[in-house]
């Protein structure tokens, strides 16, 4: 990875973007994929760890407020993402 210029931090660039009309599951999957992409360039960032059953803390923001997303909802999305990445 190139050295960051003074006063600038590296940024993960992606061609994947959030859309306001995304379904909940698609938005959660996008967030998980962004974490995995970020983990590729930053050792302090981690995605889901299926072996140890450790999943990211995920929250969702709606007009009704902020809510935690349970591991039971994150687990199958994480499994699909990891399987897709492994090809």
Protein backbone atom coordinates (compact mmCIF):
# COMPACT_ATOMS: atom_id res chain seq x y z
CA UNK A 1 0.00 0.00 0.00
CA UNK A 2 1.41 3.44 -0.83
CA UNK A 3 2.49 5.65 2.04
CA UNK A 4 -0.27 8.07 3.08
CA UNK A 5 0.52 11.68 2.36
CA UNK A 6 0.90 13.95 5.35
CA UNK A 7 -2.52 14.96 6.65
CA UNK A 8 -4.31 12.38 4.51
CA UNK A 9 -5.57 8.97 5.46
CA UNK A 10 -5.97 5.99 3.12
CA UNK A 11 -9.52 5.44 1.95
CA UNK A 12 -11.16 2.22 0.85
CA UNK A 13 -12.69 2.83 -2.53
CA UNK A 14 -15.53 0.69 -3.72
CA UNK A 15 -17.85 0.50 -6.68
CA UNK A 16 -20.59 -0.62 -4.32
CA UNK A 17 -22.90 2.11 -3.14
CA UNK A 18 -25.82 2.37 -0.74
CA UNK A 19 -29.12 3.32 -2.34
CA UNK A 20 -32.02 4.77 -0.37
CA UNK A 21 -34.44 2.20 -1.83
CA UNK A 22 -32.31 -0.85 -0.93
CA UNK A 23 -33.98 -3.68 0.91
CA UNK A 24 -32.79 -4.23 4.48
CA UNK A 25 -30.96 -7.48 3.69
CA UNK A 26 -29.14 -5.91 0.73
CA UNK A 27 -28.04 -2.94 2.85
CA UNK A 28 -26.75 -5.22 5.60
CA UNK A 29 -24.89 -7.37 3.07
CA UNK A 30 -23.34 -4.23 1.58
CA UNK A 31 -22.16 -3.10 5.03
CA UNK A 32 -20.57 -6.51 5.70
CA UNK A 33 -18.87 -6.47 2.31
CA UNK A 34 -17.48 -3.00 3.02
CA UNK A 35 -15.99 -4.29 6.30
CA UNK A 36 -14.33 -7.19 4.53
CA UNK A 37 -12.95 -4.80 1.86
CA UNK A 38 -11.64 -2.48 4.58
CA UNK A 39 -10.02 -5.39 6.43
CA UNK A 40 -7.94 -6.09 3.32
CA UNK A 41 -6.14 -2.75 3.74
CA UNK A 42 -6.34 -2.12 7.49
CA UNK A 43 -5.19 -4.67 10.07
CA UNK A 44 -7.29 -2.91 12.72
CA UNK A 45 -10.51 -3.65 10.84
CA UNK A 46 -12.08 -7.07 10.75
CA UNK A 47 -15.00 -8.68 9.05
CA UNK A 48 -16.98 -11.67 10.26
CA UNK A 49 -15.09 -14.61 11.78
CA UNK A 50 -17.17 -17.68 10.98
CA UNK A 51 -14.80 -20.11 12.70
CA UNK A 52 -15.10 -18.43 16.10
CA UNK A 53 -18.65 -17.15 15.59
CA UNK A 54 -17.60 -13.52 15.94
CA UNK A 55 -19.63 -11.05 13.94
CA UNK A 56 -19.42 -7.27 13.57
CA UNK A 57 -21.68 -5.09 15.68
CA UNK A 58 -24.20 -3.79 13.18
CA UNK A 59 -26.82 -1.13 13.73
CA UNK A 60 -29.54 0.08 11.42
CA UNK A 61 -30.85 3.63 11.31
CA UNK A 62 -34.40 4.31 10.19
CA UNK A 63 -36.89 7.11 10.70
CA UNK A 64 -37.95 5.22 13.84
CA UNK A 65 -34.47 5.40 15.37
CA UNK A 66 -31.40 3.19 15.77
CA UNK A 67 -31.58 -0.56 16.35
CA UNK A 68 -29.03 -3.33 16.91
CA UNK A 69 -28.97 -6.18 14.43
CA UNK A 70 -28.77 -9.61 16.08
CA UNK A 71 -26.02 -12.08 15.21
CA UNK A 72 -28.78 -14.45 14.06
CA UNK A 73 -29.48 -12.05 11.18
CA UNK A 74 -25.81 -11.27 10.46
CA UNK A 75 -24.61 -14.91 10.51
CA UNK A 76 -26.30 -16.15 7.28
CA UNK A 77 -25.37 -12.96 5.43
CA UNK A 78 -21.76 -13.40 6.56
CA UNK A 79 -21.72 -17.04 5.50
CA UNK A 80 -23.02 -16.17 2.02
CA UNK A 81 -20.49 -13.35 1.65
CA UNK A 82 -17.51 -15.49 2.67
CA UNK A 83 -18.63 -18.34 0.41
CA UNK A 84 -18.99 -15.92 -2.54
CA UNK A 85 -15.54 -14.46 -1.90
CA UNK A 86 -13.97 -17.91 -1.78
CA UNK A 87 -15.53 -18.62 -5.18
